[in-house]
Protein backbone atom coordinates (compact mmCIF):
# COMPACT_ATOMS: atom_id res chain seq x y z
CA UNK A 1 15.15 9.55 36.85
CA UNK A 2 15.49 6.41 34.71
CA UNK A 3 18.62 7.36 32.76
CA UNK A 4 18.61 4.12 30.75
CA UNK A 5 15.09 4.87 29.53
CA UNK A 6 16.05 8.45 28.60
CA UNK A 7 19.15 7.16 26.86
CA UNK A 8 17.01 4.71 24.87
CA UNK A 9 14.61 7.45 23.78
CA UNK A 10 17.45 9.67 22.59
CA UNK A 11 18.97 6.73 20.71
CA UNK A 12 15.74 6.05 18.84
CA UNK A 13 15.33 9.76 17.96
CA UNK A 14 18.94 9.88 16.80
CA UNK A 15 18.47 6.83 14.57
CA UNK A 16 15.30 8.24 13.01
CA UNK A 17 17.00 11.59 12.37
CA UNK A 18 19.95 9.94 10.69
CA UNK A 19 17.68 7.80 8.53
CA UNK A 20 15.68 10.86 7.46
CA UNK A 21 18.86 12.75 6.56
CA UNK A 22 20.18 9.77 4.60
CA UNK A 23 16.86 9.37 2.81
CA UNK A 24 16.71 13.07 1.90
CA UNK A 25 20.29 12.87 0.63
CA UNK A 26 19.48 9.86 -1.56
CA UNK A 27 16.37 11.57 -2.89
CA UNK A 28 18.44 14.62 -3.73
CA UNK A 29 20.88 12.53 -5.75
CA UNK A 30 18.00 10.94 -7.62
CA UNK A 31 16.46 14.29 -8.45
CA UNK A 32 19.77 15.59 -9.83
CA UNK A 33 19.64 12.84 -12.45
CA UNK A 34 16.07 13.63 -13.47
CA UNK A 35 15.51 15.29 -16.85
CA UNK A 36 14.28 18.87 -16.68
CA UNK A 37 10.50 18.74 -16.57
CA UNK A 38 9.69 22.38 -17.42
CA UNK A 39 8.65 21.91 -21.03
CA UNK A 40 7.25 18.42 -20.49
CA UNK A 41 5.05 19.65 -17.65
CA UNK A 42 3.30 22.04 -19.99
CA UNK A 43 2.36 19.44 -22.59
CA UNK A 44 2.55 16.04 -20.89
CA UNK A 45 -0.87 15.05 -22.26
CA UNK A 46 0.28 15.72 -25.83
CA UNK A 47 3.46 13.71 -25.30
CA UNK A 48 1.53 10.76 -23.86
CA UNK A 49 -0.82 10.77 -26.86
CA UNK A 50 2.11 11.01 -29.28
CA UNK A 51 3.74 7.97 -27.63
CA UNK A 52 0.44 6.06 -27.58
CA UNK A 53 0.51 5.92 -23.76
CA UNK A 54 -3.06 5.63 -22.52
CA UNK A 55 -4.29 7.10 -19.23
CA UNK A 56 -7.57 6.13 -17.50
CA UNK A 57 -8.80 9.71 -16.99
CA UNK A 58 -7.74 13.35 -17.11
CA UNK A 59 -4.71 13.86 -14.86
CA UNK A 60 -5.62 15.71 -11.67
CA UNK A 61 -3.61 18.66 -10.36
CA UNK A 62 -5.21 18.49 -6.90
CA UNK A 63 -2.74 18.95 -4.03
CA UNK A 64 -3.04 16.64 -1.02
CA UNK A 65 -1.23 16.54 2.33
CA UNK A 66 0.62 13.64 3.91
CA UNK A 67 2.93 12.60 6.72
CA UNK A 68 5.98 10.60 7.61
CA UNK A 69 4.46 7.79 9.68
CA UNK A 70 5.86 5.22 12.06
CA UNK A 71 4.08 2.01 13.05
CA UNK A 72 4.70 -1.43 14.50
CA UNK A 73 3.66 -4.73 12.98
CA UNK A 74 0.80 -6.16 15.00
CA UNK A 75 0.91 -9.41 16.92
CA UNK A 76 -2.25 -11.42 16.27
CA UNK A 77 -1.91 -14.45 18.49
CA UNK A 78 -3.78 -13.50 21.66
CA UNK A 79 -6.64 -11.68 19.91
CA UNK A 80 -6.98 -14.49 17.37
CA UNK A 81 -7.12 -17.08 20.15
CA UNK A 82 -9.88 -15.18 21.94
CA UNK A 83 -11.97 -13.94 19.00
CA UNK A 84 -11.71 -16.02 15.81
CA UNK A 85 -14.27 -18.78 15.28
CA UNK A 86 -14.90 -21.67 12.84
CA UNK A 87 -11.47 -21.52 11.24
CA UNK A 88 -7.99 -22.94 11.53
CA UNK A 89 -5.38 -20.21 11.75
CA UNK A 90 -1.68 -19.71 12.31
CA UNK A 91 0.64 -16.73 12.68
CA UNK A 92 4.07 -16.62 11.03
CA UNK A 93 6.30 -13.54 10.62
CA UNK A 94 3.51 -11.13 11.63
CA UNK A 95 1.06 -12.63 9.10
CA UNK A 96 -2.10 -14.46 10.06
CA UNK A 97 -3.22 -17.20 7.65
CA UNK A 98 -6.64 -18.74 8.10
CA UNK A 99 -8.55 -21.63 6.53
CA UNK A 100 -12.32 -21.74 7.05
CA UNK A 101 -13.89 -24.92 8.44
CA UNK A 102 -17.27 -24.51 6.73
CA UNK A 103 -18.03 -22.73 3.47
CA UNK A 104 -21.80 -23.25 3.37
CA UNK A 105 -22.43 -19.78 4.79
CA UNK A 106 -19.78 -18.00 2.68
CA UNK A 107 -21.27 -18.35 -0.82
CA UNK A 108 -20.48 -15.20 -2.79
CA UNK A 109 -22.68 -13.87 -5.58
CA UNK A 110 -20.50 -12.67 -8.47
CA UNK A 111 -22.73 -9.64 -9.07
CA UNK A 112 -22.56 -8.54 -5.43
CA UNK A 113 -19.14 -9.85 -4.43
CA UNK A 114 -17.68 -6.73 -2.83
CA UNK A 115 -20.60 -6.21 -0.42
CA UNK A 116 -20.88 -9.88 0.51
CA UNK A 117 -17.16 -10.21 1.23
CA UNK A 118 -17.30 -7.02 3.31
CA UNK A 119 -20.26 -8.47 5.21
CA UNK A 120 -18.19 -11.58 5.90
CA UNK A 121 -15.13 -9.78 7.25
CA UNK A 122 -17.18 -7.47 9.48
CA UNK A 123 -19.15 -10.32 11.06
CA UNK A 124 -17.95 -10.95 14.61
CA UNK A 125 -15.54 -13.86 14.88
CA UNK A 126 -14.48 -13.93 11.23
CA UNK A 127 -11.64 -11.38 10.88
CA UNK A 128 -9.76 -9.24 13.40
CA UNK A 129 -9.81 -5.41 13.25
CA UNK A 130 -11.97 -5.48 10.10
CA UNK A 131 -13.30 -1.95 10.65
CA UNK A 132 -9.81 -0.55 9.96
CA UNK A 133 -9.60 -1.96 6.42
CA UNK A 134 -10.93 -0.48 3.18
CA UNK A 135 -11.74 -2.38 0.00
CA UNK A 136 -9.25 -2.02 -2.87
CA UNK A 137 -11.15 -2.02 -6.17
CA UNK A 138 -8.06 -2.03 -8.36
CA UNK A 139 -6.27 -4.97 -6.75
CA UNK A 140 -9.27 -7.26 -6.35
CA UNK A 141 -10.13 -10.01 -8.82
CA UNK A 142 -13.78 -10.98 -9.18
CA UNK A 143 -14.61 -14.48 -7.89
CA UNK A 144 -10.93 -15.02 -7.00
CA UNK A 145 -9.45 -12.54 -4.52
CA UNK A 146 -10.74 -9.47 -2.68
CA UNK A 147 -8.12 -7.08 -1.29
CA UNK A 148 -8.38 -4.66 1.63
CA UNK A 149 -5.88 -2.23 3.20
CA UNK A 150 -5.73 -0.32 6.45
CA UNK A 151 -6.29 3.42 6.25
CA UNK A 152 -4.79 6.35 8.12
CA UNK A 153 -6.58 9.70 7.87
CA UNK A 154 -8.27 8.72 4.62
CA UNK A 155 -5.23 7.29 2.80
CA UNK A 156 -4.70 3.53 2.44
CA UNK A 157 -1.43 1.86 3.40
CA UNK A 158 -0.59 0.02 0.16
CA UNK A 159 2.02 -2.21 1.71
CA UNK A 160 2.39 -5.92 2.49
CA UNK A 161 2.58 -5.06 6.20
CA UNK A 162 -1.02 -3.79 6.24
CA UNK A 163 -3.37 -5.79 4.03
CA UNK A 164 -6.14 -8.38 4.02
CA UNK A 165 -6.51 -10.81 1.13
CA UNK A 166 -9.75 -12.85 1.08
CA UNK A 167 -9.48 -15.85 -1.24
CA UNK A 168 -12.39 -17.52 -3.04
CA UNK A 169 -12.69 -20.87 -4.78
CA UNK A 170 -15.29 -22.35 -7.12
CA UNK A 171 -16.75 -25.85 -6.97
CA UNK A 172 -17.76 -28.02 -9.94
CA UNK A 173 -21.02 -26.09 -10.22
CA UNK A 174 -19.06 -22.79 -10.48
CA UNK A 175 -20.35 -21.64 -7.09
CA UNK A 176 -17.81 -19.29 -5.45
CA UNK A 177 -17.21 -19.48 -1.70
CA UNK A 178 -14.73 -17.88 0.68
CA UNK A 179 -11.98 -20.41 1.27
CA UNK A 180 -9.24 -18.64 3.26
CA UNK A 181 -7.59 -15.32 3.99
CA UNK A 182 -4.20 -13.79 4.82
CA UNK A 183 -3.86 -10.73 6.99
CA UNK A 184 -1.16 -8.34 8.14
CA UNK A 185 -1.75 -5.43 10.49
CA UNK A 186 0.09 -2.38 11.81
CA UNK A 187 -0.54 -0.70 15.14
CA UNK A 188 0.66 2.32 17.14
CA UNK A 189 0.55 4.47 14.00
CA UNK A 190 1.80 8.00 14.58
CA UNK A 191 2.92 10.99 12.55
CA UNK A 192 6.63 11.79 12.87
CA UNK A 193 6.40 15.30 11.44
CA UNK A 194 3.80 17.93 10.60
CA UNK A 195 1.77 17.37 7.39
CA UNK A 196 3.42 18.40 4.14
CA UNK A 197 2.09 19.19 0.68
CA UNK A 198 2.29 16.35 -1.82
CA UNK A 199 2.81 16.36 -5.55
CA UNK A 200 -0.30 15.97 -7.68
CA UNK A 201 -1.33 12.94 -9.70
CA UNK A 202 -0.27 14.78 -12.87
CA UNK A 203 3.21 15.51 -11.45
CA UNK A 204 3.61 11.82 -10.57
CA UNK A 205 2.96 10.83 -14.19
CA UNK A 206 5.40 13.49 -15.39
CA UNK A 207 8.04 11.99 -13.10
CA UNK A 208 7.47 8.50 -14.49
CA UNK A 209 7.63 9.82 -18.05
CA UNK A 210 10.82 11.86 -17.58
CA UNK A 211 12.50 8.91 -15.84
CA UNK A 212 11.67 6.59 -18.77
CA UNK A 213 9.30 4.41 -16.73
CA UNK A 214 6.58 4.87 -19.35
CA UNK A 215 7.21 3.46 -22.81
CA UNK A 216 5.41 3.80 -26.12
CA UNK A 217 2.29 1.65 -26.19
CA UNK A 218 1.96 1.39 -22.39
CA UNK A 219 -1.44 1.65 -20.75
CA UNK A 220 -1.89 3.14 -17.28
CA UNK A 221 -4.56 1.00 -15.62
CA UNK A 222 -5.01 2.99 -12.41
CA UNK A 223 -3.40 5.68 -10.23
CA UNK A 224 -3.80 5.76 -6.45
CA UNK A 225 -2.31 7.73 -3.55
CA UNK A 226 -1.35 5.83 -0.40
CA UNK A 227 1.41 5.07 2.09
CA UNK A 228 4.36 2.76 1.52
CA UNK A 229 7.11 1.55 3.85
CA UNK A 230 10.60 2.90 3.15
CA UNK A 231 12.68 1.51 6.03
CA UNK A 232 12.56 -0.32 9.35
CA UNK A 233 14.45 0.62 12.51
CA UNK A 234 14.30 -1.21 15.85
CA UNK A 235 11.12 -3.07 14.84
CA UNK A 236 9.38 0.15 13.80
CA UNK A 237 8.38 0.76 10.19
CA UNK A 238 8.53 4.20 8.58
CA UNK A 239 6.03 5.03 5.81
CA UNK A 240 5.72 7.90 3.34
CA UNK A 241 2.96 8.90 0.91
CA UNK A 242 3.45 7.67 -2.65
CA UNK A 243 1.58 7.60 -5.92
CA UNK A 244 0.99 4.02 -7.03
CA UNK A 245 0.66 3.64 -10.81
CA UNK A 246 -0.25 0.36 -12.51
CA UNK A 247 1.44 0.27 -15.93
CA UNK A 248 0.47 -2.41 -18.44
CA UNK A 249 3.02 -3.19 -21.14
CA UNK A 250 0.99 -6.10 -22.50
CA UNK A 251 -2.07 -8.06 -21.40
CA UNK A 252 -0.04 -10.32 -19.13
CA UNK A 253 2.41 -7.87 -17.63
CA UNK A 254 1.40 -5.13 -15.18
CA UNK A 255 4.10 -3.27 -13.24
CA UNK A 256 3.27 -1.19 -10.16
CA UNK A 257 5.42 1.94 -10.18
CA UNK A 258 5.78 4.05 -7.01
CA UNK A 259 6.54 7.79 -6.97
CA UNK A 260 7.53 9.57 -3.77
CA UNK A 261 4.70 12.05 -3.18
CA UNK A 262 7.04 14.41 -1.30
CA UNK A 263 9.87 14.65 -3.82
CA UNK A 264 8.68 13.10 -7.16
CA UNK A 265 11.53 10.58 -7.03
CA UNK A 266 10.95 7.00 -8.18
CA UNK A 267 10.83 4.55 -5.26
CA UNK A 268 12.56 1.20 -5.59
CA UNK A 269 10.98 -1.95 -4.21
CA UNK A 270 13.74 -2.40 -1.62
CA UNK A 271 13.07 -1.66 2.05
CA UNK A 272 16.10 -0.81 4.19
CA UNK A 273 16.43 -2.29 7.66
CA UNK A 274 18.53 -0.52 10.29
CA UNK A 275 19.82 -2.91 12.94
CA UNK A 276 21.11 -1.77 16.30
């Protein structure tokens, strides 16, 4: 028996277990500070209206399921060398950046931009692993940038480790063409635990409200459920489901708030790295 290999496996399991316990402990401390939501839960819509906080639609109470996931950041070099055509690319820190040689065949019609960009990325030789990415309506900017994210069992991974940004530029005649793209990719995705019930969209907004992350006059632009990375251990990332809420305080300032879909706790933007 390869005792060193067994020892390594136990070490990884031990590290993951400790990180989970630490994370649960931190979440517990956060929840103890949260204002009681009993009364607010019953009339959150009335409170939002009273504070002039606008929401894009009626808040859903649908319950989803999600997982703790682990994944590794993909290495593009060999596949890019063998498959990409008509572009100059480089890979730095697990991100592939590419500049197209010719733009004559990448003209994008403003009225049909989403479909034409999707046609471009799925064409052989243009973008790696394109069938694993899904278009992100809320993050894309017409004639400027089109965003895509990997999916796992129907939920997108809204994280910088798993996204594709296709960049457009306009010439003097205002004709938009695809100029370049940046891509990150995760592989070896696996569930670490059985699926668990998640809080609803409505409960996520209640959490933001009771934690003073929504202020009078704010406008919620969109609400989406997806995965986000919470820590990294031995070159493996760990992801959890979260509600992503775009909050506009004025026309030039939009803040993306993240709510842990397991516990309702607010997620900070920091990602912990465990080194061993």
